[in-house]
Amino acid sequence: MRKNIIAGNWKMNTTLPEGLALAKGLNEALIGKALACDVVIGVPFIHLATIAGAIDTAKIGVAAQNCADKEKGAYTGEVSAAMIASTGAKYVILGHSERRQYYHETSATLKTKVNLALANGLTPIFCIGEVLEEREKGKHFDVVDEQISNALFDLPAEEFARLVIAYEPVWAIGTGRTATADQAQEIHAHIRQTIAAKYGDDLAAETTILYGGSMNAENAKDLVAKPDVDGGLIGGASLSVGKFLPIIEAF
């Protein structure tokens, strides 16, 4: 079922004590608040079990930032979807532009990761989006269509329905640049139409699509007011309760 979600992606930030303090601070800040969206925090692997055991996970969902493309075995340093699920985490961020860029993750790899995540009861937050050159050449619609279809369209409808999609204009991540609310709405609507062409209007209407490009307290209300923008995947602002909370409250 389509939900509004504000998800934080801490990336490779915070020691375990720092992360625990941040999560507890957010947990305390949300006590007594009637929220109009779900809240998720994507934390480093070593934080997962500790944070999931220290906060109200009915109020704040915990996400891993990646998972292995293998079920188990001799893959030193990797963390499987089953391991993530065993910590109490309920989500996993997959396909983030930084994973695609720095670690050369392909659609084939991501397809395997999505399947393993779903098999272990995790909700994938699947990231798609174009770089600046692709946007300037008018290829942004083609890029997101390819990323969705190549990694996700082998899924049966009931499995696709468990996904959250996060559109992230790569040119707006960590740069201070942000797509306008109208630009975000345009491509979110296109993504929903692409899903509808494959799975039908009903499933497309129920798919949560987040905006992941430098959403902050100043622009969040304009972005989430758009009919096809169902929340945000937040980077740097999620590392501060004072900056993250106003984005949550934008709904």
C-alpha atoms as a PDB file:
ATOM      1  CA  MET A   1       0.000   0.000   0.000  1.00  0.00           C
ATOM      2  CA  ARG A   2       1.305   3.445  -0.924  1.00  0.00           C
ATOM      3  CA  LYS A   3       2.856   5.211   2.029  1.00  0.00           C
ATOM      4  CA  ASN A   4       4.498   8.535   2.718  1.00  0.00           C
ATOM      5  CA  ILE A   5       8.060   7.883   3.903  1.00  0.00           C
ATOM      6  CA  ILE A   6      10.930  10.058   5.013  1.00  0.00           C
ATOM      7  CA  ALA A   7      14.075   7.923   5.039  1.00  0.00           C
ATOM      8  CA  GLY A   8      17.515   9.020   6.212  1.00  0.00           C
ATOM      9  CA  ASN A   9      20.682   7.619   4.661  1.00  0.00           C
ATOM     10  CA  TRP A  10      23.572   8.125   7.057  1.00  0.00           C
ATOM     11  CA  LYS A  11      26.090   6.749   4.538  1.00  0.00           C
ATOM     12  CA  MET A  12      29.566   6.120   6.044  1.00  0.00           C
ATOM     13  CA  ASN A  13      29.100   8.455   8.981  1.00  0.00           C
ATOM     14  CA  THR A  14      28.954   8.118  12.789  1.00  0.00           C
ATOM     15  CA  THR A  15      30.778   5.768  15.099  1.00  0.00           C
ATOM     16  CA  LEU A  16      28.566   3.315  16.934  1.00  0.00           C
ATOM     17  CA  PRO A  17      28.233   5.558  20.042  1.00  0.00           C
ATOM     18  CA  GLU A  18      27.502   8.578  17.822  1.00  0.00           C
ATOM     19  CA  GLY A  19      24.942   6.681  15.775  1.00  0.00           C
ATOM     20  CA  LEU A  20      23.237   5.302  18.845  1.00  0.00           C
ATOM     21  CA  ALA A  21      22.970   8.789  20.320  1.00  0.00           C
ATOM     22  CA  LEU A  22      21.560  10.140  17.058  1.00  0.00           C
ATOM     23  CA  ALA A  23      18.963   7.379  16.779  1.00  0.00           C
ATOM     24  CA  LYS A  24      17.905   7.768  20.398  1.00  0.00           C
ATOM     25  CA  GLY A  25      17.680  11.530  19.944  1.00  0.00           C
ATOM     26  CA  LEU A  26      15.366  11.100  16.969  1.00  0.00           C
ATOM     27  CA  ASN A  27      13.335   8.521  18.847  1.00  0.00           C
ATOM     28  CA  GLU A  28      12.842  10.943  21.744  1.00  0.00           C
ATOM     29  CA  ALA A  29      11.985  13.822  19.400  1.00  0.00           C
ATOM     30  CA  LEU A  30       9.168  11.793  17.850  1.00  0.00           C
ATOM     31  CA  ILE A  31       7.545  10.769  21.119  1.00  0.00           C
ATOM     32  CA  GLY A  32       3.995  12.073  21.256  1.00  0.00           C
ATOM     33  CA  LYS A  33       3.994  13.280  17.655  1.00  0.00           C
ATOM     34  CA  ALA A  34       1.212  12.198  15.325  1.00  0.00           C
ATOM     35  CA  LEU A  35       3.148  11.579  12.132  1.00  0.00           C
ATOM     36  CA  ALA A  36       1.717  11.698   8.622  1.00  0.00           C
ATOM     37  CA  CYS A  37       4.593   9.616   7.246  1.00  0.00           C
ATOM     38  CA  ASP A  38       6.696   6.610   8.109  1.00  0.00           C
ATOM     39  CA  VAL A  39      10.257   7.336   9.264  1.00  0.00           C
ATOM     40  CA  VAL A  40      13.237   5.163   8.321  1.00  0.00           C
ATOM     41  CA  ILE A  41      16.948   5.511   9.105  1.00  0.00           C
ATOM     42  CA  GLY A  42      19.590   3.828   6.946  1.00  0.00           C
ATOM     43  CA  VAL A  43      22.541   3.136   9.223  1.00  0.00           C
ATOM     44  CA  PRO A  44      25.960   1.464   8.825  1.00  0.00           C
ATOM     45  CA  PHE A  45      26.022  -2.333   9.115  1.00  0.00           C
ATOM     46  CA  ILE A  46      27.745  -2.333  12.509  1.00  0.00           C
ATOM     47  CA  HIS A  47      24.959  -0.155  13.958  1.00  0.00           C
ATOM     48  CA  LEU A  48      22.006  -2.245  12.869  1.00  0.00           C
ATOM     49  CA  ALA A  49      21.424  -4.596  15.803  1.00  0.00           C
ATOM     50  CA  THR A  50      22.306  -2.043  18.470  1.00  0.00           C
ATOM     51  CA  ILE A  51      20.060   0.676  17.096  1.00  0.00           C
ATOM     52  CA  ALA A  52      17.168  -1.678  16.290  1.00  0.00           C
ATOM     53  CA  GLY A  53      17.259  -2.817  19.920  1.00  0.00           C
ATOM     54  CA  ALA A  54      17.428   0.692  21.362  1.00  0.00           C
ATOM     55  CA  ILE A  55      14.583   2.540  19.611  1.00  0.00           C
ATOM     56  CA  ASP A  56      10.887   2.073  18.988  1.00  0.00           C
ATOM     57  CA  THR A  57      10.981   0.304  15.632  1.00  0.00           C
ATOM     58  CA  ALA A  58       7.212   0.711  15.334  1.00  0.00           C
ATOM     59  CA  LYS A  59       7.930   4.442  15.080  1.00  0.00           C
ATOM     60  CA  ILE A  60      11.282   4.375  13.237  1.00  0.00           C
ATOM     61  CA  GLY A  61      12.155   1.687  10.718  1.00  0.00           C
ATOM     62  CA  VAL A  62      15.797   0.628  10.467  1.00  0.00           C
ATOM     63  CA  ALA A  63      17.466   0.089   7.095  1.00  0.00           C
ATOM     64  CA  ALA A  64      20.773  -1.303   5.934  1.00  0.00           C
ATOM     65  CA  GLN A  65      22.501   0.674   3.191  1.00  0.00           C
ATOM     66  CA  ASN A  66      23.353  -2.354   1.041  1.00  0.00           C
ATOM     67  CA  CYS A  67      23.378  -6.139   1.069  1.00  0.00           C
ATOM     68  CA  ALA A  68      25.418  -8.858  -0.594  1.00  0.00           C
ATOM     69  CA  ASP A  69      24.408 -10.457  -3.875  1.00  0.00           C
ATOM     70  CA  LYS A  70      25.113 -13.873  -2.366  1.00  0.00           C
ATOM     71  CA  GLU A  71      22.998 -15.858   0.073  1.00  0.00           C
ATOM     72  CA  LYS A  72      25.899 -17.025   2.276  1.00  0.00           C
ATOM     73  CA  GLY A  73      29.343 -18.569   2.050  1.00  0.00           C
ATOM     74  CA  ALA A  74      33.007 -17.670   1.659  1.00  0.00           C
ATOM     75  CA  TYR A  75      32.570 -14.001   0.773  1.00  0.00           C
ATOM     76  CA  THR A  76      34.791 -12.239   3.270  1.00  0.00           C
ATOM     77  CA  GLY A  77      33.513  -8.869   4.376  1.00  0.00           C
ATOM     78  CA  GLU A  78      30.044  -9.206   2.845  1.00  0.00           C
ATOM     79  CA  VAL A  79      26.753  -8.940   4.749  1.00  0.00           C
ATOM     80  CA  SER A  80      23.812 -11.015   3.567  1.00  0.00           C
ATOM     81  CA  ALA A  81      20.146 -10.090   3.478  1.00  0.00           C
ATOM     82  CA  ALA A  82      19.467 -12.824   6.050  1.00  0.00           C
ATOM     83  CA  MET A  83      22.032 -11.297   8.405  1.00  0.00           C
ATOM     84  CA  ILE A  84      20.412  -7.885   8.020  1.00  0.00           C
ATOM     85  CA  ALA A  85      16.947  -9.262   8.715  1.00  0.00           C
ATOM     86  CA  SER A  86      18.233 -11.012  11.837  1.00  0.00           C
ATOM     87  CA  THR A  87      19.172  -7.649  13.397  1.00  0.00           C
ATOM     88  CA  GLY A  88      15.603  -6.362  13.394  1.00  0.00           C
ATOM     89  CA  ALA A  89      16.112  -4.125  10.360  1.00  0.00           C
ATOM     90  CA  LYS A  90      13.147  -4.052   7.986  1.00  0.00           C
ATOM     91  CA  TYR A  91      14.538  -2.145   4.994  1.00  0.00           C
ATOM     92  CA  VAL A  92      17.591  -2.158   2.759  1.00  0.00           C
ATOM     93  CA  ILE A  93      18.724   0.619   0.401  1.00  0.00           C
ATOM     94  CA  LEU A  94      19.780  -0.830  -2.954  1.00  0.00           C
ATOM     95  CA  GLY A  95      21.139   0.702  -6.136  1.00  0.00           C
ATOM     96  CA  HIS A  96      22.238   4.007  -4.624  1.00  0.00           C
ATOM     97  CA  SER A  97      24.173   6.095  -7.133  1.00  0.00           C
ATOM     98  CA  GLU A  98      27.296   5.852  -4.985  1.00  0.00           C
ATOM     99  CA  ARG A  99      27.128   2.057  -5.126  1.00  0.00           C
ATOM    100  CA  ARG A 100      26.650   2.200  -8.891  1.00  0.00           C
ATOM    101  CA  GLN A 101      29.465   4.735  -9.376  1.00  0.00           C
ATOM    102  CA  TYR A 102      32.150   3.609  -6.921  1.00  0.00           C
ATOM    103  CA  TYR A 103      31.474  -0.129  -6.767  1.00  0.00           C
ATOM    104  CA  HIS A 104      30.241  -0.614 -10.336  1.00  0.00           C
ATOM    105  CA  GLU A 105      27.000  -2.316  -9.381  1.00  0.00           C
ATOM    106  CA  THR A 106      25.048  -3.382 -12.449  1.00  0.00           C
ATOM    107  CA  SER A 107      21.384  -4.045 -13.021  1.00  0.00           C
ATOM    108  CA  ALA A 108      22.120  -7.788 -13.004  1.00  0.00           C
ATOM    109  CA  THR A 109      23.780  -7.515  -9.588  1.00  0.00           C
ATOM    110  CA  LEU A 110      20.968  -5.389  -8.248  1.00  0.00           C
ATOM    111  CA  LYS A 111      18.326  -7.786  -9.523  1.00  0.00           C
ATOM    112  CA  THR A 112      19.941 -10.527  -7.427  1.00  0.00           C
ATOM    113  CA  LYS A 113      20.151  -8.271  -4.365  1.00  0.00           C
ATOM    114  CA  VAL A 114      16.495  -7.294  -4.680  1.00  0.00           C
ATOM    115  CA  ASN A 115      15.439 -10.929  -4.882  1.00  0.00           C
ATOM    116  CA  LEU A 116      17.501 -11.865  -1.830  1.00  0.00           C
ATOM    117  CA  ALA A 117      16.155  -8.905   0.138  1.00  0.00           C
ATOM    118  CA  LEU A 118      12.561  -9.805  -0.664  1.00  0.00           C
ATOM    119  CA  ALA A 119      13.161 -13.488   0.138  1.00  0.00           C
ATOM    120  CA  ASN A 120      14.328 -12.464   3.605  1.00  0.00           C
ATOM    121  CA  GLY A 121      11.369 -10.206   4.354  1.00  0.00           C
ATOM    122  CA  LEU A 122      13.161  -6.899   3.778  1.00  0.00           C
ATOM    123  CA  THR A 123      11.661  -3.931   1.953  1.00  0.00           C
ATOM    124  CA  PRO A 124      14.091  -2.686  -0.698  1.00  0.00           C
ATOM    125  CA  ILE A 125      14.354   1.060  -1.191  1.00  0.00           C
ATOM    126  CA  PHE A 126      15.501   0.901  -4.796  1.00  0.00           C
ATOM    127  CA  CYS A 127      17.369   3.950  -6.089  1.00  0.00           C
ATOM    128  CA  ILE A 128      17.322   5.191  -9.658  1.00  0.00           C
ATOM    129  CA  GLY A 129      18.413   8.435 -11.299  1.00  0.00           C
ATOM    130  CA  GLU A 130      20.491  10.188 -13.917  1.00  0.00           C
ATOM    131  CA  VAL A 131      23.783  12.063 -13.844  1.00  0.00           C
ATOM    132  CA  LEU A 132      24.069  15.685 -14.999  1.00  0.00           C
ATOM    133  CA  GLU A 133      25.231  14.839 -18.535  1.00  0.00           C
ATOM    134  CA  GLU A 134      22.234  12.555 -19.038  1.00  0.00           C
ATOM    135  CA  ARG A 135      19.862  15.222 -17.745  1.00  0.00           C
ATOM    136  CA  GLU A 136      21.365  17.900 -20.005  1.00  0.00           C
ATOM    137  CA  LYS A 137      21.028  15.608 -23.042  1.00  0.00           C
ATOM    138  CA  GLY A 138      17.378  14.945 -22.213  1.00  0.00           C
ATOM    139  CA  LYS A 139      18.008  11.266 -21.488  1.00  0.00           C
ATOM    140  CA  HIS A 140      16.705  11.243 -17.913  1.00  0.00           C
ATOM    141  CA  PHE A 141      13.450   9.476 -18.765  1.00  0.00           C
ATOM    142  CA  ASP A 142      15.287   6.773 -20.723  1.00  0.00           C
ATOM    143  CA  VAL A 143      17.820   6.287 -17.912  1.00  0.00           C
ATOM    144  CA  VAL A 144      15.243   5.686 -15.187  1.00  0.00           C
ATOM    145  CA  ASP A 145      13.171   3.446 -17.467  1.00  0.00           C
ATOM    146  CA  GLU A 146      16.221   1.287 -18.145  1.00  0.00           C
ATOM    147  CA  GLN A 147      17.239   1.115 -14.488  1.00  0.00           C
ATOM    148  CA  ILE A 148      13.748   0.050 -13.438  1.00  0.00           C
ATOM    149  CA  SER A 149      13.072  -2.431 -16.220  1.00  0.00           C
ATOM    150  CA  ASN A 150      16.484  -4.123 -16.222  1.00  0.00           C
ATOM    151  CA  ALA A 151      16.571  -4.748 -12.471  1.00  0.00           C
ATOM    152  CA  LEU A 152      12.923  -5.017 -11.414  1.00  0.00           C
ATOM    153  CA  PHE A 153      10.561  -5.975 -14.209  1.00  0.00           C
ATOM    154  CA  ASP A 154      11.183  -9.709 -13.873  1.00  0.00           C
ATOM    155  CA  LEU A 155       9.442  -9.543 -10.507  1.00  0.00           C
ATOM    156  CA  PRO A 156       5.860 -10.774 -10.255  1.00  0.00           C
ATOM    157  CA  ALA A 157       3.415  -8.000  -9.396  1.00  0.00           C
ATOM    158  CA  GLU A 158       3.000  -9.123  -5.790  1.00  0.00           C
ATOM    159  CA  GLU A 159       6.755  -8.857  -5.243  1.00  0.00           C
ATOM    160  CA  PHE A 160       7.134  -5.524  -7.032  1.00  0.00           C
ATOM    161  CA  ALA A 161       4.373  -4.202  -4.773  1.00  0.00           C
ATOM    162  CA  ARG A 162       6.711  -4.621  -1.795  1.00  0.00           C
ATOM    163  CA  LEU A 163       9.281  -2.180  -3.172  1.00  0.00           C
ATOM    164  CA  VAL A 164       9.857   1.485  -2.469  1.00  0.00           C
ATOM    165  CA  ILE A 165      11.360   3.459  -5.361  1.00  0.00           C
ATOM    166  CA  ALA A 166      13.702   6.390  -4.678  1.00  0.00           C
ATOM    167  CA  TYR A 167      14.404   8.763  -7.548  1.00  0.00           C
ATOM    168  CA  GLU A 168      17.702  10.553  -7.008  1.00  0.00           C
ATOM    169  CA  PRO A 169      18.967  13.043  -9.567  1.00  0.00           C
ATOM    170  CA  VAL A 170      22.653  12.280  -9.125  1.00  0.00           C
ATOM    171  CA  TRP A 171      23.546  15.867 -10.021  1.00  0.00           C
ATOM    172  CA  ALA A 172      21.640  17.052  -6.943  1.00  0.00           C
ATOM    173  CA  ILE A 173      23.239  14.787  -4.318  1.00  0.00           C
ATOM    174  CA  GLY A 174      25.619  16.601  -2.005  1.00  0.00           C
ATOM    175  CA  THR A 175      25.985  19.469  -4.474  1.00  0.00           C
ATOM    176  CA  GLY A 176      23.493  21.871  -2.970  1.00  0.00           C
ATOM    177  CA  ARG A 177      21.589  21.765  -6.273  1.00  0.00           C
ATOM    178  CA  THR A 178      18.042  20.509  -6.149  1.00  0.00           C
ATOM    179  CA  ALA A 179      15.503  19.654  -8.786  1.00  0.00           C
ATOM    180  CA  THR A 180      12.589  22.048  -8.623  1.00  0.00           C
ATOM    181  CA  ALA A 181       9.349  20.677  -7.254  1.00  0.00           C
ATOM    182  CA  ASP A 182       7.963  20.720 -10.800  1.00  0.00           C
ATOM    183  CA  GLN A 183      10.977  18.793 -12.137  1.00  0.00           C
ATOM    184  CA  ALA A 184      10.592  16.222  -9.375  1.00  0.00           C
ATOM    185  CA  GLN A 185       6.885  15.854 -10.073  1.00  0.00           C
ATOM    186  CA  GLU A 186       7.489  15.471 -13.802  1.00  0.00           C
ATOM    187  CA  ILE A 187       9.883  12.560 -13.481  1.00  0.00           C
ATOM    188  CA  HIS A 188       8.023  10.940 -10.575  1.00  0.00           C
ATOM    189  CA  ALA A 189       4.869  10.961 -12.711  1.00  0.00           C
ATOM    190  CA  HIS A 190       6.870   9.434 -15.573  1.00  0.00           C
ATOM    191  CA  ILE A 191       8.207   6.697 -13.283  1.00  0.00           C
ATOM    192  CA  ARG A 192       4.662   5.913 -12.146  1.00  0.00           C
ATOM    193  CA  GLN A 193       3.533   5.717 -15.772  1.00  0.00           C
ATOM    194  CA  THR A 194       6.411   3.354 -16.570  1.00  0.00           C
ATOM    195  CA  ILE A 195       5.328   1.092 -13.709  1.00  0.00           C
ATOM    196  CA  ALA A 196       1.705   1.293 -14.865  1.00  0.00           C
ATOM    197  CA  ALA A 197       2.664   0.206 -18.381  1.00  0.00           C
ATOM    198  CA  LYS A 198       4.185  -2.973 -16.916  1.00  0.00           C
ATOM    199  CA  TYR A 199       1.999  -3.769 -13.909  1.00  0.00           C
ATOM    200  CA  GLY A 200      -1.180  -1.722 -14.372  1.00  0.00           C
ATOM    201  CA  ASP A 201      -2.564   1.503 -12.988  1.00  0.00           C
ATOM    202  CA  ASP A 202      -3.611   0.112  -9.608  1.00  0.00           C
ATOM    203  CA  LEU A 203      -0.172  -1.169  -8.629  1.00  0.00           C
ATOM    204  CA  ALA A 204       1.481   1.993  -9.953  1.00  0.00           C
ATOM    205  CA  ALA A 205      -0.858   4.128  -7.875  1.00  0.00           C
ATOM    206  CA  GLU A 206       0.116   2.151  -4.766  1.00  0.00           C
ATOM    207  CA  THR A 207       3.894   2.406  -5.339  1.00  0.00           C
ATOM    208  CA  THR A 208       5.755   4.770  -3.013  1.00  0.00           C
ATOM    209  CA  ILE A 209       8.211   6.976  -4.913  1.00  0.00           C
ATOM    210  CA  LEU A 210      10.649   9.054  -2.864  1.00  0.00           C
ATOM    211  CA  TYR A 211      12.702  12.048  -3.972  1.00  0.00           C
ATOM    212  CA  GLY A 212      16.391  11.722  -3.125  1.00  0.00           C
ATOM    213  CA  GLY A 213      18.158  14.893  -4.177  1.00  0.00           C
ATOM    214  CA  SER A 214      19.140  17.305  -1.397  1.00  0.00           C
ATOM    215  CA  MET A 215      15.721  17.606   0.228  1.00  0.00           C
ATOM    216  CA  ASN A 216      15.913  19.911   3.230  1.00  0.00           C
ATOM    217  CA  ALA A 217      13.735  21.841   5.652  1.00  0.00           C
ATOM    218  CA  GLU A 218      13.367  24.706   3.190  1.00  0.00           C
ATOM    219  CA  ASN A 219      12.182  22.769   0.141  1.00  0.00           C
ATOM    220  CA  ALA A 220      10.534  19.699   1.682  1.00  0.00           C
ATOM    221  CA  LYS A 221       7.006  21.116   1.867  1.00  0.00           C
ATOM    222  CA  ASP A 222       6.988  22.141  -1.797  1.00  0.00           C
ATOM    223  CA  LEU A 223       8.346  18.761  -2.873  1.00  0.00           C
ATOM    224  CA  VAL A 224       6.027  16.522  -0.845  1.00  0.00           C
ATOM    225  CA  ALA A 225       3.022  18.632  -1.861  1.00  0.00           C
ATOM    226  CA  LYS A 226       3.372  17.248  -5.383  1.00  0.00           C
ATOM    227  CA  PRO A 227       0.959  14.370  -6.060  1.00  0.00           C
ATOM    228  CA  ASP A 228       3.585  11.839  -7.157  1.00  0.00           C
ATOM    229  CA  VAL A 229       6.265  12.691  -4.549  1.00  0.00           C
ATOM    230  CA  ASP A 230       5.640  10.415  -1.581  1.00  0.00           C
ATOM    231  CA  GLY A 231       8.538  11.501   0.610  1.00  0.00           C
ATOM    232  CA  GLY A 232      12.296  11.693   0.549  1.00  0.00           C
ATOM    233  CA  LEU A 233      15.565   9.801   0.879  1.00  0.00           C
ATOM    234  CA  ILE A 234      17.639  12.244   2.892  1.00  0.00           C
ATOM    235  CA  GLY A 235      21.424  12.297   3.131  1.00  0.00           C
ATOM    236  CA  GLY A 236      23.328  14.892   5.148  1.00  0.00           C
ATOM    237  CA  ALA A 237      20.279  16.413   6.830  1.00  0.00           C
ATOM    238  CA  SER A 238      19.458  13.049   8.420  1.00  0.00           C
ATOM    239  CA  LEU A 239      22.638  13.275  10.525  1.00  0.00           C
ATOM    240  CA  SER A 240      21.060  15.972  12.690  1.00  0.00           C
ATOM    241  CA  VAL A 241      17.770  15.618  14.540  1.00  0.00           C
ATOM    242  CA  GLY A 242      17.301  19.363  14.240  1.00  0.00           C
ATOM    243  CA  LYS A 243      17.585  19.227  10.439  1.00  0.00           C
ATOM    244  CA  PHE A 244      15.816  15.905   9.915  1.00  0.00           C
ATOM    245  CA  LEU A 245      12.753  16.577  12.055  1.00  0.00           C
ATOM    246  CA  PRO A 246      11.444  19.525   9.989  1.00  0.00           C
ATOM    247  CA  ILE A 247      11.570  17.350   6.870  1.00  0.00           C
ATOM    248  CA  ILE A 248       9.507  14.684   8.640  1.00  0.00           C
ATOM    249  CA  GLU A 249       7.079  17.386   9.725  1.00  0.00           C
ATOM    250  CA  ALA A 250       6.725  18.679   6.149  1.00  0.00           C
ATOM    251  CA  PHE A 251       3.827  16.243   5.766  1.00  0.00           C
END
